[in-house]
Amino acid sequence: MLLTIDIGNTNITLGAYDDDKLIFVSRMATDKSRTDDQYAIELKSILELHNAKDLKFCGCAISSVVPELTFIMSKAAEKITGEVPLILGPGVKTGINILADDPSQAGADLVAASVAAANLYPLPCFVIDLGTATKINVIDENGSFCGCIIAPGVGISLEALSSKTSQLPSISLTTPKKAIGTNTIDCMQSGVVFGTAAMLDGLCDRMEKELGKKVQSFVATGGLSREIIKSCDHDIIHDAELILKGLKIIYEKNRKSK
């Protein structure tokens, strides 16, 4: 069994693999104030919840964009699995070439998602990650990461609307029936959902033109992706576990290289 952990700014996503089968996926809130013991207790509870407390883990792979929690979660995972986790970062074999000005600045979640896309989908591929931030990663025909865009996430946009205005309420993320809203909630939902979808379509077109190649696959991941891509003009595949799949591929690549 392999435990995969993706530490994001809002949520921590867990996945347990038995060979190539994903046994379960679970999420917990990201909390920088918690200790490794507290996270270990929650990890143990999650395993019990999914009837996996007696499973034998051969290892653990972690991606993190929250440096304050990387070591803490690593210690927690080691207490649960009995194995020292592989932490995605400089020096870890990924199998892809990162064509950034400074490859060390590429976020671990971005790298893991790119590795999964390069191994699982036709190339060139655009990876759309709708999490705390909105990102589009470009994977070229050779499986290299060429760059990306980063924009404020959907949740951040909704929070800004309600917190920075006097009369706009907090709302749920639901696709409205039409773009022209006739009440406050529909107007806000239209702006966020259809606005984000239009931004994604426009950016994908612009980036594809810059790339100079026909993009063969568009893949979306992240907590808010399923709802948004329904309104996109591009044919986008939804892969909720893309980062966890990337972590599994990276773990196996590094295990085989030892």
Foldseek 3Di string as FASTA:
>chain_A
DEWEWEADPFKIKIWDDDDPDTQDIDIDGDDLVDALVVVLVVVCVVCVVSVNQPPAHPAYEYFYPDVSCPVRPQSSVCVRRVYRHHYDAPPFDQPAAEQDPDVRPDGRLNSLLLSLCLPPHQPQEWEWEQAQWTKIWTQHNVSYTNDMDIGGHLVVVLCCVDPVDDPQHRDDQAQDPDLDDDDRRNVVNSCSQLVVQVVVQVVVVVVCVVVVDDGDAYEYEYDPPVRRPVNHPDDYHYDHCSSVSSRVSSVVVRVVVD
